[in-house]
Amino acid sequence: MSRLIADAAAALAPSCDYTTGCITCGDVAIPLTVLRLDEERGLALCAADDGNSETVEIDLVAPVAPGDRLLVHAGTAIARLTEEASA
């Protein structure tokens, strides 16, 4: 790779700077409640406390059931929430 290409790639690479909004650290996971499952595809329809819903990948925390509370980041459930944590 030429030095020019390497310098351009380095300049475009994401960096972690919390003061300007890190693309990774600045993201937030939100608690959602499972409404319905599509176990064959590893998906669940989930709802937020404000009533908005979204489809979530559940493979990392499976098995889940309707009523379960999940912590979701970028459309993927990354953890289960206990009753104490979701209150």
C-alpha atoms as a PDB file:
ATOM      1  CA  MET A   1       0.000   0.000   0.000  1.00  0.00           C
ATOM      2  CA  SER A   2       1.370   3.389  -0.878  1.00  0.00           C
ATOM      3  CA  ARG A   3       2.098   5.889   1.865  1.00  0.00           C
ATOM      4  CA  LEU A   4      -0.538   8.257   0.427  1.00  0.00           C
ATOM      5  CA  ILE A   5      -3.242   5.572   0.616  1.00  0.00           C
ATOM      6  CA  ALA A   6      -2.149   4.577   4.139  1.00  0.00           C
ATOM      7  CA  ASP A   7      -2.281   8.213   5.305  1.00  0.00           C
ATOM      8  CA  ALA A   8      -5.736   8.682   3.759  1.00  0.00           C
ATOM      9  CA  ALA A   9      -7.032   5.497   5.396  1.00  0.00           C
ATOM     10  CA  ALA A  10      -5.673   6.596   8.777  1.00  0.00           C
ATOM     11  CA  ALA A  11      -7.313  10.009   8.418  1.00  0.00           C
ATOM     12  CA  LEU A  12     -10.699   8.423   7.658  1.00  0.00           C
ATOM     13  CA  ALA A  13     -10.526   5.771  10.378  1.00  0.00           C
ATOM     14  CA  PRO A  14     -12.907   6.300  13.288  1.00  0.00           C
ATOM     15  CA  SER A  15     -11.341   7.453  16.518  1.00  0.00           C
ATOM     16  CA  CYS A  16     -12.530   7.408  20.094  1.00  0.00           C
ATOM     17  CA  ASP A  17     -13.029  10.955  21.292  1.00  0.00           C
ATOM     18  CA  TYR A  18     -15.824  11.201  23.841  1.00  0.00           C
ATOM     19  CA  THR A  19     -15.888  15.011  23.548  1.00  0.00           C
ATOM     20  CA  THR A  20     -17.039  14.908  19.925  1.00  0.00           C
ATOM     21  CA  GLY A  21     -19.252  11.819  20.119  1.00  0.00           C
ATOM     22  CA  CYS A  22     -17.398   8.550  19.835  1.00  0.00           C
ATOM     23  CA  ILE A  23     -19.054   6.269  17.301  1.00  0.00           C
ATOM     24  CA  THR A  24     -18.776   3.335  19.703  1.00  0.00           C
ATOM     25  CA  CYS A  25     -18.680   4.655  23.261  1.00  0.00           C
ATOM     26  CA  GLY A  26     -21.339   7.276  22.557  1.00  0.00           C
ATOM     27  CA  ASP A  27     -23.930   4.697  21.587  1.00  0.00           C
ATOM     28  CA  VAL A  28     -26.560   3.764  24.130  1.00  0.00           C
ATOM     29  CA  ALA A  29     -28.285   0.477  24.884  1.00  0.00           C
ATOM     30  CA  ILE A  30     -31.962   0.693  25.758  1.00  0.00           C
ATOM     31  CA  PRO A  31     -34.255  -1.611  27.720  1.00  0.00           C
ATOM     32  CA  LEU A  32     -37.010  -3.235  25.653  1.00  0.00           C
ATOM     33  CA  THR A  33     -39.756  -5.748  26.443  1.00  0.00           C
ATOM     34  CA  VAL A  34     -40.264  -8.815  24.238  1.00  0.00           C
ATOM     35  CA  LEU A  35     -43.736  -8.894  22.665  1.00  0.00           C
ATOM     36  CA  ARG A  36     -43.516 -11.719  20.086  1.00  0.00           C
ATOM     37  CA  LEU A  37     -40.893 -14.169  18.876  1.00  0.00           C
ATOM     38  CA  ASP A  38     -39.732 -15.466  15.512  1.00  0.00           C
ATOM     39  CA  GLU A  39     -37.438 -18.154  16.902  1.00  0.00           C
ATOM     40  CA  GLU A  40     -36.721 -19.626  13.461  1.00  0.00           C
ATOM     41  CA  ARG A  41     -35.052 -16.374  12.402  1.00  0.00           C
ATOM     42  CA  GLY A  42     -33.685 -15.458  15.860  1.00  0.00           C
ATOM     43  CA  LEU A  43     -35.784 -12.299  16.098  1.00  0.00           C
ATOM     44  CA  ALA A  44     -38.187 -10.734  18.565  1.00  0.00           C
ATOM     45  CA  LEU A  45     -40.620  -7.862  18.273  1.00  0.00           C
ATOM     46  CA  CYS A  46     -39.879  -5.668  21.277  1.00  0.00           C
ATOM     47  CA  ALA A  47     -41.391  -2.494  22.725  1.00  0.00           C
ATOM     48  CA  ALA A  48     -39.829   0.418  24.551  1.00  0.00           C
ATOM     49  CA  ASP A  49     -41.464   2.083  27.535  1.00  0.00           C
ATOM     50  CA  ASP A  50     -42.656   4.905  25.244  1.00  0.00           C
ATOM     51  CA  GLY A  51     -44.598   2.402  23.092  1.00  0.00           C
ATOM     52  CA  ASN A  52     -42.247   2.383  20.096  1.00  0.00           C
ATOM     53  CA  SER A  53     -41.437  -1.089  18.810  1.00  0.00           C
ATOM     54  CA  GLU A  54     -38.611  -2.643  16.839  1.00  0.00           C
ATOM     55  CA  THR A  55     -37.366  -6.000  15.679  1.00  0.00           C
ATOM     56  CA  VAL A  56     -34.379  -7.236  17.648  1.00  0.00           C
ATOM     57  CA  GLU A  57     -31.838 -10.014  17.050  1.00  0.00           C
ATOM     58  CA  ILE A  58     -31.923 -12.328  20.083  1.00  0.00           C
ATOM     59  CA  ASP A  59     -29.307 -15.003  19.347  1.00  0.00           C
ATOM     60  CA  LEU A  60     -26.849 -13.667  21.959  1.00  0.00           C
ATOM     61  CA  VAL A  61     -29.375 -13.952  24.806  1.00  0.00           C
ATOM     62  CA  ALA A  62     -31.652 -16.799  23.628  1.00  0.00           C
ATOM     63  CA  PRO A  63     -33.869 -18.338  24.710  1.00  0.00           C
ATOM     64  CA  VAL A  64     -36.247 -15.487  25.486  1.00  0.00           C
ATOM     65  CA  ALA A  65     -39.988 -15.353  26.067  1.00  0.00           C
ATOM     66  CA  PRO A  66     -42.688 -12.695  25.752  1.00  0.00           C
ATOM     67  CA  GLY A  67     -42.450 -10.346  28.724  1.00  0.00           C
ATOM     68  CA  ASP A  68     -38.673 -10.679  29.102  1.00  0.00           C
ATOM     69  CA  ARG A  69     -36.748  -7.402  29.407  1.00  0.00           C
ATOM     70  CA  LEU A  70     -33.648  -7.084  27.228  1.00  0.00           C
ATOM     71  CA  LEU A  71     -30.901  -4.505  26.908  1.00  0.00           C
ATOM     72  CA  VAL A  72     -30.662  -3.693  23.188  1.00  0.00           C
ATOM     73  CA  HIS A  73     -27.877  -1.957  21.279  1.00  0.00           C
ATOM     74  CA  ALA A  74     -27.970  -1.377  17.513  1.00  0.00           C
ATOM     75  CA  GLY A  75     -30.854  -3.819  17.008  1.00  0.00           C
ATOM     76  CA  THR A  76     -29.183  -6.653  18.938  1.00  0.00           C
ATOM     77  CA  ALA A  77     -30.101  -7.853  22.418  1.00  0.00           C
ATOM     78  CA  ILE A  78     -26.859  -7.835  24.395  1.00  0.00           C
ATOM     79  CA  ALA A  79     -28.129  -8.733  27.878  1.00  0.00           C
ATOM     80  CA  ARG A  80     -31.139  -9.756  29.886  1.00  0.00           C
ATOM     81  CA  LEU A  81     -32.399  -7.349  32.498  1.00  0.00           C
ATOM     82  CA  THR A  82     -33.393  -8.522  35.942  1.00  0.00           C
ATOM     83  CA  GLU A  83     -36.427  -7.023  37.604  1.00  0.00           C
ATOM     84  CA  GLU A  84     -34.153  -4.934  39.845  1.00  0.00           C
ATOM     85  CA  ALA A  85     -32.138  -3.579  36.888  1.00  0.00           C
ATOM     86  CA  SER A  86     -35.162  -2.710  34.748  1.00  0.00           C
ATOM     87  CA  ALA A  87     -37.066  -0.937  37.547  1.00  0.00           C
END
